[in-house]
């Protein structure tokens, strides 16, 4: 029964945090530096999610030629920068990863 109370409490906390931004709409004006930094949030979040997956192998940082995840990520970054097509980027990244694992 304790796990259910924990889930309810976590849900209420999450709802409260998200609702606070909706309720503060029009009543709070963030500073200018905050608005200038907002465009960088998605890039920072995506980097924080993907960098450990690309760099860590069995808990160790591996930057050599024997890390297919890293090189498939590099291929995906190049494709994303060149064509700006999400589906093409994912496909090329997976294809590069598959081919690099076969080598």
PDB file of N, CA and C in Angstrom:
ATOM      1  N   UNK A   1       0.813  -1.193   0.000  1.00  0.00           N
ATOM      2  CA  UNK A   1       0.000   0.000   0.000  1.00  0.00           C
ATOM      3  C   UNK A   1       0.859   1.260   0.000  1.00  0.00           C
ATOM      4  N   UNK A   2       2.083   1.186   0.548  1.00  0.00           N
ATOM      5  CA  UNK A   2       2.963   2.353   0.599  1.00  0.00           C
ATOM      6  C   UNK A   2       3.350   2.835  -0.789  1.00  0.00           C
ATOM      7  N   UNK A   3       3.506   1.909  -1.725  1.00  0.00           N
ATOM      8  CA  UNK A   3       3.894   2.295  -3.072  1.00  0.00           C
ATOM      9  C   UNK A   3       2.807   3.138  -3.728  1.00  0.00           C
ATOM     10  N   UNK A   4       1.550   2.849  -3.424  1.00  0.00           N
ATOM     11  CA  UNK A   4       0.455   3.632  -3.989  1.00  0.00           C
ATOM     12  C   UNK A   4       0.451   5.045  -3.441  1.00  0.00           C
ATOM     13  N   UNK A   5       0.716   5.189  -2.144  1.00  0.00           N
ATOM     14  CA  UNK A   5       0.788   6.532  -1.572  1.00  0.00           C
ATOM     15  C   UNK A   5       1.950   7.307  -2.177  1.00  0.00           C
ATOM     16  N   UNK A   6       3.052   6.634  -2.400  1.00  0.00           N
ATOM     17  CA  UNK A   6       4.209   7.272  -3.014  1.00  0.00           C
ATOM     18  C   UNK A   6       3.878   7.754  -4.431  1.00  0.00           C
ATOM     19  N   UNK A   7       3.167   6.926  -5.190  1.00  0.00           N
ATOM     20  CA  UNK A   7       2.781   7.313  -6.544  1.00  0.00           C
ATOM     21  C   UNK A   7       1.821   8.492  -6.517  1.00  0.00           C
ATOM     22  N   UNK A   8       0.885   8.503  -5.590  1.00  0.00           N
ATOM     23  CA  UNK A   8      -0.061   9.620  -5.480  1.00  0.00           C
ATOM     24  C   UNK A   8       0.676  10.903  -5.102  1.00  0.00           C
ATOM     25  N   UNK A   9       1.561  10.829  -4.128  1.00  0.00           N
ATOM     26  CA  UNK A   9       2.315  12.007  -3.698  1.00  0.00           C
ATOM     27  C   UNK A   9       3.185  12.528  -4.840  1.00  0.00           C
ATOM     28  N   UNK A  10       3.865  11.636  -5.540  1.00  0.00           N
ATOM     29  CA  UNK A  10       4.692  12.064  -6.675  1.00  0.00           C
ATOM     30  C   UNK A  10       3.839  12.691  -7.772  1.00  0.00           C
ATOM     31  N   UNK A  11       2.664  12.145  -8.006  1.00  0.00           N
ATOM     32  CA  UNK A  11       1.760  12.721  -9.000  1.00  0.00           C
ATOM     33  C   UNK A  11       1.290  14.108  -8.599  1.00  0.00           C
ATOM     34  N   UNK A  12       0.962  14.288  -7.333  1.00  0.00           N
ATOM     35  CA  UNK A  12       0.516  15.598  -6.849  1.00  0.00           C
ATOM     36  C   UNK A  12       1.649  16.616  -6.948  1.00  0.00           C
ATOM     37  N   UNK A  13       2.856  16.212  -6.600  1.00  0.00           N
ATOM     38  CA  UNK A  13       4.009  17.115  -6.696  1.00  0.00           C
ATOM     39  C   UNK A  13       4.258  17.500  -8.145  1.00  0.00           C
ATOM     40  N   UNK A  14       4.231  16.530  -9.039  1.00  0.00           N
ATOM     41  CA  UNK A  14       4.438  16.813 -10.456  1.00  0.00           C
ATOM     42  C   UNK A  14       3.356  17.735 -10.991  1.00  0.00           C
ATOM     43  N   UNK A  15       2.106  17.469 -10.636  1.00  0.00           N
ATOM     44  CA  UNK A  15       1.013  18.332 -11.063  1.00  0.00           C
ATOM     45  C   UNK A  15       1.201  19.746 -10.527  1.00  0.00           C
ATOM     46  N   UNK A  16       1.590  19.859  -9.267  1.00  0.00           N
ATOM     47  CA  UNK A  16       1.793  21.174  -8.664  1.00  0.00           C
ATOM     48  C   UNK A  16       2.880  21.973  -9.358  1.00  0.00           C
ATOM     49  N   UNK A  17       3.977  21.312  -9.690  1.00  0.00           N
ATOM     50  CA  UNK A  17       5.063  22.004 -10.382  1.00  0.00           C
ATOM     51  C   UNK A  17       4.602  22.483 -11.747  1.00  0.00           C
ATOM     52  N   UNK A  18       3.936  21.623 -12.489  1.00  0.00           N
ATOM     53  CA  UNK A  18       3.488  22.012 -13.832  1.00  0.00           C
ATOM     54  C   UNK A  18       2.374  23.051 -13.776  1.00  0.00           C
ATOM     55  N   UNK A  19       1.474  22.932 -12.830  1.00  0.00           N
ATOM     56  CA  UNK A  19       0.377  23.884 -12.719  1.00  0.00           C
ATOM     57  C   UNK A  19       0.877  25.261 -12.284  1.00  0.00           C
ATOM     58  N   UNK A  20       1.957  25.295 -11.512  1.00  0.00           N
ATOM     59  CA  UNK A  20       2.478  26.585 -11.050  1.00  0.00           C
ATOM     60  C   UNK A  20       2.871  27.473 -12.224  1.00  0.00           C
ATOM     61  N   UNK A  21       3.396  26.886 -13.304  1.00  0.00           N
ATOM     62  CA  UNK A  21       3.756  27.688 -14.472  1.00  0.00           C
ATOM     63  C   UNK A  21       2.511  28.202 -15.189  1.00  0.00           C
ATOM     64  N   UNK A  22       1.466  27.403 -15.220  1.00  0.00           N
ATOM     65  CA  UNK A  22       0.218  27.831 -15.853  1.00  0.00           C
ATOM     66  C   UNK A  22      -0.438  28.921 -15.010  1.00  0.00           C
ATOM     67  N   UNK A  23      -0.450  28.744 -13.698  1.00  0.00           N
ATOM     68  CA  UNK A  23      -1.093  29.714 -12.803  1.00  0.00           C
ATOM     69  C   UNK A  23      -0.328  31.037 -12.775  1.00  0.00           C
ATOM     70  N   UNK A  24       0.982  30.995 -12.977  1.00  0.00           N
ATOM     71  CA  UNK A  24       1.796  32.216 -12.915  1.00  0.00           C
ATOM     72  C   UNK A  24       1.751  32.999 -14.227  1.00  0.00           C
ATOM     73  N   UNK A  25       1.121  32.460 -15.249  1.00  0.00           N
ATOM     74  CA  UNK A  25       1.048  33.128 -16.549  1.00  0.00           C
ATOM     75  C   UNK A  25       0.446  34.519 -16.403  1.00  0.00           C
ATOM     76  N   UNK A  26       1.185  35.522 -16.844  1.00  0.00           N
ATOM     77  CA  UNK A  26       0.725  36.891 -16.774  1.00  0.00           C
ATOM     78  C   UNK A  26       1.026  37.582 -15.457  1.00  0.00           C
ATOM     79  N   UNK A  27       1.383  36.832 -14.416  1.00  0.00           N
ATOM     80  CA  UNK A  27       1.669  37.423 -13.106  1.00  0.00           C
ATOM     81  C   UNK A  27       3.162  37.525 -12.833  1.00  0.00           C
ATOM     82  N   UNK A  28       3.948  36.845 -13.636  1.00  0.00           N
ATOM     83  CA  UNK A  28       5.390  36.795 -13.397  1.00  0.00           C
ATOM     84  C   UNK A  28       6.107  37.019 -14.721  1.00  0.00           C
ATOM     85  N   UNK A  29       7.044  37.938 -14.748  1.00  0.00           N
ATOM     86  CA  UNK A  29       7.839  38.205 -15.944  1.00  0.00           C
ATOM     87  C   UNK A  29       9.292  37.825 -15.651  1.00  0.00           C
ATOM     88  N   UNK A  30       9.786  36.752 -16.287  1.00  0.00           N
ATOM     89  CA  UNK A  30      11.175  36.365 -16.042  1.00  0.00           C
ATOM     90  C   UNK A  30      12.142  37.430 -16.573  1.00  0.00           C
ATOM     91  N   UNK A  31      13.340  37.458 -16.024  1.00  0.00           N
ATOM     92  CA  UNK A  31      14.317  38.458 -16.485  1.00  0.00           C
ATOM     93  C   UNK A  31      14.754  38.200 -17.930  1.00  0.00           C
ATOM     94  N   UNK A  32      15.368  39.198 -18.529  1.00  0.00           N
ATOM     95  CA  UNK A  32      15.790  39.106 -19.922  1.00  0.00           C
ATOM     96  C   UNK A  32      16.797  38.008 -20.178  1.00  0.00           C
ATOM     97  N   UNK A  33      17.732  37.790 -19.245  1.00  0.00           N
ATOM     98  CA  UNK A  33      18.739  36.756 -19.455  1.00  0.00           C
ATOM     99  C   UNK A  33      18.090  35.375 -19.523  1.00  0.00           C
ATOM    100  N   UNK A  34      16.978  35.208 -18.814  1.00  0.00           N
ATOM    101  CA  UNK A  34      16.264  33.934 -18.832  1.00  0.00           C
ATOM    102  C   UNK A  34      15.687  33.673 -20.224  1.00  0.00           C
ATOM    103  N   UNK A  35      15.096  34.701 -20.810  1.00  0.00           N
ATOM    104  CA  UNK A  35      14.532  34.570 -22.155  1.00  0.00           C
ATOM    105  C   UNK A  35      15.620  34.310 -23.192  1.00  0.00           C
ATOM    106  N   UNK A  36      16.789  34.921 -23.009  1.00  0.00           N
ATOM    107  CA  UNK A  36      17.884  34.711 -23.958  1.00  0.00           C
ATOM    108  C   UNK A  36      18.438  33.290 -23.891  1.00  0.00           C
ATOM    109  N   UNK A  37      18.356  32.656 -22.733  1.00  0.00           N
ATOM    110  CA  UNK A  37      18.907  31.308 -22.571  1.00  0.00           C
ATOM    111  C   UNK A  37      17.922  30.199 -22.941  1.00  0.00           C
ATOM    112  N   UNK A  38      16.641  30.501 -23.041  1.00  0.00           N
ATOM    113  CA  UNK A  38      15.638  29.473 -23.330  1.00  0.00           C
ATOM    114  C   UNK A  38      15.883  28.686 -24.626  1.00  0.00           C
ATOM    115  N   UNK A  39      16.360  29.290 -25.714  1.00  0.00           N
ATOM    116  CA  UNK A  39      16.590  28.493 -26.927  1.00  0.00           C
ATOM    117  C   UNK A  39      17.635  27.391 -26.765  1.00  0.00           C
ATOM    118  N   UNK A  40      18.484  27.486 -25.755  1.00  0.00           N
ATOM    119  CA  UNK A  40      19.537  26.500 -25.564  1.00  0.00           C
ATOM    120  C   UNK A  40      19.084  25.291 -24.736  1.00  0.00           C
ATOM    121  N   UNK A  41      17.915  25.359 -24.141  1.00  0.00           N
ATOM    122  CA  UNK A  41      17.430  24.276 -23.283  1.00  0.00           C
ATOM    123  C   UNK A  41      17.262  22.961 -24.055  1.00  0.00           C
ATOM    124  N   UNK A  42      16.617  22.921 -25.229  1.00  0.00           N
ATOM    125  CA  UNK A  42      16.473  21.639 -25.926  1.00  0.00           C
ATOM    126  C   UNK A  42      17.809  21.015 -26.311  1.00  0.00           C
ATOM    127  N   UNK A  43      18.755  21.831 -26.747  1.00  0.00           N
ATOM    128  CA  UNK A  43      20.075  21.304 -27.125  1.00  0.00           C
ATOM    129  C   UNK A  43      20.783  20.725 -25.908  1.00  0.00           C
ATOM    130  N   UNK A  44      20.717  21.423 -24.781  1.00  0.00           N
ATOM    131  CA  UNK A  44      21.371  20.942 -23.568  1.00  0.00           C
ATOM    132  C   UNK A  44      20.731  19.654 -23.069  1.00  0.00           C
ATOM    133  N   UNK A  45      19.398  19.584 -23.121  1.00  0.00           N
ATOM    134  CA  UNK A  45      18.706  18.374 -22.663  1.00  0.00           C
ATOM    135  C   UNK A  45      19.028  17.186 -23.564  1.00  0.00           C
ATOM    136  N   UNK A  46      19.017  17.401 -24.877  1.00  0.00           N
ATOM    137  CA  UNK A  46      19.325  16.313 -25.805  1.00  0.00           C
ATOM    138  C   UNK A  46      20.766  15.838 -25.648  1.00  0.00           C
ATOM    139  N   UNK A  47      21.682  16.775 -25.436  1.00  0.00           N
ATOM    140  CA  UNK A  47      23.083  16.406 -25.218  1.00  0.00           C
ATOM    141  C   UNK A  47      23.242  15.607 -23.932  1.00  0.00           C
ATOM    142  N   UNK A  48      22.549  16.016 -22.887  1.00  0.00           N
ATOM    143  CA  UNK A  48      22.641  15.293 -21.610  1.00  0.00           C
ATOM    144  C   UNK A  48      22.080  13.882 -21.721  1.00  0.00           C
ATOM    145  N   UNK A  49      21.108  13.677 -22.592  1.00  0.00           N
ATOM    146  CA  UNK A  49      20.532  12.344 -22.765  1.00  0.00           C
ATOM    147  C   UNK A  49      21.378  11.453 -23.672  1.00  0.00           C
ATOM    148  N   UNK A  50      21.978  12.020 -24.709  1.00  0.00           N
ATOM    149  CA  UNK A  50      22.664  11.193 -25.698  1.00  0.00           C
ATOM    150  C   UNK A  50      24.151  10.999 -25.425  1.00  0.00           C
ATOM    151  N   UNK A  51      24.820  11.970 -24.843  1.00  0.00           N
ATOM    152  CA  UNK A  51      26.266  11.871 -24.647  1.00  0.00           C
ATOM    153  C   UNK A  51      26.687  10.634 -23.843  1.00  0.00           C
ATOM    154  N   UNK A  52      26.041  10.311 -22.728  1.00  0.00           N
ATOM    155  CA  UNK A  52      26.452   9.096 -22.018  1.00  0.00           C
ATOM    156  C   UNK A  52      26.268   7.824 -22.847  1.00  0.00           C
ATOM    157  N   UNK A  53      25.221   7.772 -23.664  1.00  0.00           N
ATOM    158  CA  UNK A  53      24.999   6.586 -24.494  1.00  0.00           C
ATOM    159  C   UNK A  53      26.053   6.449 -25.582  1.00  0.00           C
ATOM    160  N   UNK A  54      26.563   7.564 -26.059  1.00  0.00           N
ATOM    161  CA  UNK A  54      27.562   7.512 -27.120  1.00  0.00           C
ATOM    162  C   UNK A  54      28.969   7.273 -26.587  1.00  0.00           C
ATOM    163  N   UNK A  55      29.259   7.764 -25.416  1.00  0.00           N
ATOM    164  CA  UNK A  55      30.627   7.739 -24.913  1.00  0.00           C
ATOM    165  C   UNK A  55      30.930   6.608 -23.945  1.00  0.00           C
ATOM    166  N   UNK A  56      29.931   6.131 -23.200  1.00  0.00           N
ATOM    167  CA  UNK A  56      30.192   5.122 -22.176  1.00  0.00           C
ATOM    168  C   UNK A  56      29.949   3.710 -22.702  1.00  0.00           C
ATOM    169  N   UNK A  57      30.931   2.860 -22.504  1.00  0.00           N
ATOM    170  CA  UNK A  57      30.811   1.438 -22.823  1.00  0.00           C
ATOM    171  C   UNK A  57      31.225   0.672 -21.568  1.00  0.00           C
ATOM    172  N   UNK A  58      30.289  -0.066 -20.992  1.00  0.00           N
ATOM    173  CA  UNK A  58      30.515  -0.808 -19.749  1.00  0.00           C
ATOM    174  C   UNK A  58      31.019   0.094 -18.623  1.00  0.00           C
ATOM    175  N   UNK A  59      30.520   1.327 -18.571  1.00  0.00           N
ATOM    176  CA  UNK A  59      30.865   2.246 -17.501  1.00  0.00           C
ATOM    177  C   UNK A  59      32.149   3.021 -17.709  1.00  0.00           C
ATOM    178  N   UNK A  60      32.862   2.770 -18.795  1.00  0.00           N
ATOM    179  CA  UNK A  60      34.114   3.477 -19.074  1.00  0.00           C
ATOM    180  C   UNK A  60      33.951   4.344 -20.317  1.00  0.00           C
ATOM    181  N   UNK A  61      34.591   5.505 -20.306  1.00  0.00           N
ATOM    182  CA  UNK A  61      34.561   6.373 -21.478  1.00  0.00           C
ATOM    183  C   UNK A  61      35.464   5.775 -22.541  1.00  0.00           C
ATOM    184  N   UNK A  62      34.906   5.567 -23.724  1.00  0.00           N
ATOM    185  CA  UNK A  62      35.643   4.947 -24.820  1.00  0.00           C
ATOM    186  C   UNK A  62      35.557   5.868 -26.035  1.00  0.00           C
ATOM    187  N   UNK A  63      36.693   6.471 -26.407  1.00  0.00           N
ATOM    188  CA  UNK A  63      36.735   7.419 -27.508  1.00  0.00           C
ATOM    189  C   UNK A  63      37.470   6.878 -28.726  1.00  0.00           C
ATOM    190  N   UNK A  64      37.801   5.599 -28.738  1.00  0.00           N
ATOM    191  CA  UNK A  64      38.583   5.029 -29.821  1.00  0.00           C
ATOM    192  C   UNK A  64      37.749   4.565 -30.996  1.00  0.00           C
ATOM    193  N   UNK A  65      38.434   3.947 -31.931  1.00  0.00           N
ATOM    194  CA  UNK A  65      37.785   3.424 -33.130  1.00  0.00           C
ATOM    195  C   UNK A  65      36.907   2.215 -32.834  1.00  0.00           C
ATOM    196  N   UNK A  66      37.071   1.609 -31.678  1.00  0.00           N
ATOM    197  CA  UNK A  66      36.304   0.417 -31.343  1.00  0.00           C
ATOM    198  C   UNK A  66      34.992   0.729 -30.620  1.00  0.00           C
ATOM    199  N   UNK A  67      34.518   1.962 -30.698  1.00  0.00           N
ATOM    200  CA  UNK A  67      33.237   2.353 -30.111  1.00  0.00           C
ATOM    201  C   UNK A  67      32.255   2.665 -31.239  1.00  0.00           C
ATOM    202  N   UNK A  68      31.471   1.674 -31.676  1.00  0.00           N
ATOM    203  CA  UNK A  68      30.560   1.926 -32.800  1.00  0.00           C
ATOM    204  C   UNK A  68      29.461   2.932 -32.482  1.00  0.00           C
ATOM    205  N   UNK A  69      29.073   3.052 -31.220  1.00  0.00           N
ATOM    206  CA  UNK A  69      28.042   4.021 -30.860  1.00  0.00           C
ATOM    207  C   UNK A  69      28.514   5.448 -31.134  1.00  0.00           C
ATOM    208  N   UNK A  70      29.753   5.724 -30.762  1.00  0.00           N
ATOM    209  CA  UNK A  70      30.303   7.059 -30.955  1.00  0.00           C
ATOM    210  C   UNK A  70      30.344   7.424 -32.433  1.00  0.00           C
ATOM    211  N   UNK A  71      30.830   6.522 -33.253  1.00  0.00           N
ATOM    212  CA  UNK A  71      30.976   6.824 -34.680  1.00  0.00           C
ATOM    213  C   UNK A  71      29.624   6.863 -35.385  1.00  0.00           C
ATOM    214  N   UNK A  72      28.684   6.064 -34.949  1.00  0.00           N
ATOM    215  CA  UNK A  72      27.331   6.156 -35.508  1.00  0.00           C
ATOM    216  C   UNK A  72      26.701   7.492 -35.099  1.00  0.00           C
ATOM    217  N   UNK A  73      26.989   7.954 -33.898  1.00  0.00           N
ATOM    218  CA  UNK A  73      26.512   9.261 -33.466  1.00  0.00           C
ATOM    219  C   UNK A  73      27.118  10.386 -34.278  1.00  0.00           C
ATOM    220  N   UNK A  74      28.399  10.255 -34.606  1.00  0.00           N
ATOM    221  CA  UNK A  74      29.055  11.262 -35.453  1.00  0.00           C
ATOM    222  C   UNK A  74      28.410  11.293 -36.833  1.00  0.00           C
ATOM    223  N   UNK A  75      28.140  10.112 -37.395  1.00  0.00           N
ATOM    224  CA  UNK A  75      27.454  10.049 -38.691  1.00  0.00           C
ATOM    225  C   UNK A  75      26.082  10.714 -38.598  1.00  0.00           C
ATOM    226  N   UNK A  76      25.334  10.426 -37.540  1.00  0.00           N
ATOM    227  CA  UNK A  76      24.007  11.016 -37.367  1.00  0.00           C
ATOM    228  C   UNK A  76      24.086  12.538 -37.224  1.00  0.00           C
ATOM    229  N   UNK A  77      25.089  13.028 -36.527  1.00  0.00           N
ATOM    230  CA  UNK A  77      25.252  14.478 -36.370  1.00  0.00           C
ATOM    231  C   UNK A  77      25.550  15.134 -37.707  1.00  0.00           C
ATOM    232  N   UNK A  78      26.405  14.506 -38.496  1.00  0.00           N
ATOM    233  CA  UNK A  78      26.737  15.053 -39.821  1.00  0.00           C
ATOM    234  C   UNK A  78      25.504  15.061 -40.720  1.00  0.00           C
ATOM    235  N   UNK A  79      24.752  13.967 -40.727  1.00  0.00           N
ATOM    236  CA  UNK A  79      23.533  13.898 -41.548  1.00  0.00           C
ATOM    237  C   UNK A  79      22.518  14.938 -41.080  1.00  0.00           C
ATOM    238  N   UNK A  80      22.359  15.091 -39.765  1.00  0.00           N
ATOM    239  CA  UNK A  80      21.407  16.073 -39.240  1.00  0.00           C
ATOM    240  C   UNK A  80      21.810  17.491 -39.617  1.00  0.00           C
ATOM    241  N   UNK A  81      23.106  17.786 -39.561  1.00  0.00           N
ATOM    242  CA  UNK A  81      23.571  19.128 -39.899  1.00  0.00           C
ATOM    243  C   UNK A  81      23.429  19.406 -41.400  1.00  0.00           C
ATOM    244  N   UNK A  82      23.637  18.378 -42.215  1.00  0.00           N
ATOM    245  CA  UNK A  82      23.597  18.575 -43.663  1.00  0.00           C
ATOM    246  C   UNK A  82      22.175  18.657 -44.201  1.00  0.00           C
ATOM    247  N   UNK A  83      21.288  17.760 -43.758  1.00  0.00           N
ATOM    248  CA  UNK A  83      19.959  17.673 -44.366  1.00  0.00           C
ATOM    249  C   UNK A  83      18.808  18.119 -43.466  1.00  0.00           C
ATOM    250  N   UNK A  84      19.027  18.214 -42.163  1.00  0.00           N
ATOM    251  CA  UNK A  84      17.985  18.635 -41.221  1.00  0.00           C
ATOM    252  C   UNK A  84      16.687  17.840 -41.388  1.00  0.00           C
ATOM    253  N   UNK A  85      16.846  16.536 -41.517  1.00  0.00           N
ATOM    254  CA  UNK A  85      15.720  15.622 -41.684  1.00  0.00           C
ATOM    255  C   UNK A  85      15.805  14.579 -40.571  1.00  0.00           C
ATOM    256  N   UNK A  86      14.840  14.576 -39.684  1.00  0.00           N
ATOM    257  CA  UNK A  86      14.894  13.705 -38.515  1.00  0.00           C
ATOM    258  C   UNK A  86      14.886  12.231 -38.890  1.00  0.00           C
ATOM    259  N   UNK A  87      13.987  11.853 -39.793  1.00  0.00           N
ATOM    260  CA  UNK A  87      13.885  10.448 -40.184  1.00  0.00           C
ATOM    261  C   UNK A  87      15.162   9.972 -40.871  1.00  0.00           C
ATOM    262  N   UNK A  88      15.728  10.799 -41.735  1.00  0.00           N
ATOM    263  CA  UNK A  88      16.980  10.454 -42.411  1.00  0.00           C
ATOM    264  C   UNK A  88      18.119  10.334 -41.398  1.00  0.00           C
ATOM    265  N   UNK A  89      18.139  11.229 -40.421  1.00  0.00           N
ATOM    266  CA  UNK A  89      19.181  11.184 -39.389  1.00  0.00           C
ATOM    267  C   UNK A  89      19.111   9.895 -38.586  1.00  0.00           C
ATOM    268  N   UNK A  90      17.910   9.525 -38.166  1.00  0.00           N
ATOM    269  CA  UNK A  90      17.744   8.290 -37.391  1.00  0.00           C
ATOM    270  C   UNK A  90      18.116   7.089 -38.236  1.00  0.00           C
ATOM    271  N   UNK A  91      17.649   7.043 -39.469  1.00  0.00           N
ATOM    272  CA  UNK A  91      17.958   5.917 -40.351  1.00  0.00           C
ATOM    273  C   UNK A  91      19.445   5.773 -40.615  1.00  0.00           C
ATOM    274  N   UNK A  92      20.110   6.872 -40.915  1.00  0.00           N
ATOM    275  CA  UNK A  92      21.552   6.811 -41.174  1.00  0.00           C
ATOM    276  C   UNK A  92      22.326   6.450 -39.920  1.00  0.00           C
ATOM    277  N   UNK A  93      21.884   6.940 -38.775  1.00  0.00           N
ATOM    278  CA  UNK A  93      22.551   6.585 -37.527  1.00  0.00           C
ATOM    279  C   UNK A  93      22.430   5.106 -37.212  1.00  0.00           C
ATOM    280  N   UNK A  94      21.226   4.554 -37.396  1.00  0.00           N
ATOM    281  CA  UNK A  94      21.034   3.121 -37.168  1.00  0.00           C
ATOM    282  C   UNK A  94      21.810   2.280 -38.176  1.00  0.00           C
ATOM    283  N   UNK A  95      21.795   2.702 -39.430  1.00  0.00           N
ATOM    284  CA  UNK A  95      22.535   1.965 -40.460  1.00  0.00           C
ATOM    285  C   UNK A  95      24.029   1.991 -40.172  1.00  0.00           C
ATOM    286  N   UNK A  96      24.548   3.148 -39.799  1.00  0.00           N
ATOM    287  CA  UNK A  96      25.975   3.252 -39.453  1.00  0.00           C
ATOM    288  C   UNK A  96      26.301   2.387 -38.242  1.00  0.00           C
ATOM    289  N   UNK A  97      25.442   2.381 -37.255  1.00  0.00           N
ATOM    290  CA  UNK A  97      25.674   1.569 -36.074  1.00  0.00           C
ATOM    291  C   UNK A  97      25.680   0.076 -36.418  1.00  0.00           C
ATOM    292  N   UNK A  98      24.714  -0.339 -37.239  1.00  0.00           N
ATOM    293  CA  UNK A  98      24.647  -1.740 -37.647  1.00  0.00           C
ATOM    294  C   UNK A  98      25.897  -2.139 -38.430  1.00  0.00           C
ATOM    295  N   UNK A  99      26.311  -1.314 -39.378  1.00  0.00           N
ATOM    296  CA  UNK A  99      27.479  -1.642 -40.190  1.00  0.00           C
ATOM    297  C   UNK A  99      28.758  -1.633 -39.362  1.00  0.00           C
ATOM    298  N   UNK A 100      28.872  -0.696 -38.445  1.00  0.00           N
ATOM    299  CA  UNK A 100      30.062  -0.642 -37.593  1.00  0.00           C
ATOM    300  C   UNK A 100      30.130  -1.834 -36.625  1.00  0.00           C
ATOM    301  N   UNK A 101      28.976  -2.326 -36.194  1.00  0.00           N
ATOM    302  CA  UNK A 101      28.996  -3.503 -35.324  1.00  0.00           C
ATOM    303  C   UNK A 101      29.394  -4.755 -36.102  1.00  0.00           C
ATOM    304  N   UNK A 102      29.059  -4.782 -37.378  1.00  0.00           N
ATOM    305  CA  UNK A 102      29.427  -5.939 -38.198  1.00  0.00           C
ATOM    306  C   UNK A 102      30.918  -6.003 -38.486  1.00  0.00           C
ATOM    307  N   UNK A 103      31.597  -4.862 -38.435  1.00  0.00           N
ATOM    308  CA  UNK A 103      33.030  -4.839 -38.726  1.00  0.00           C
ATOM    309  C   UNK A 103      33.866  -5.411 -37.614  1.00  0.00           C
TER     310      UNK A 103
END
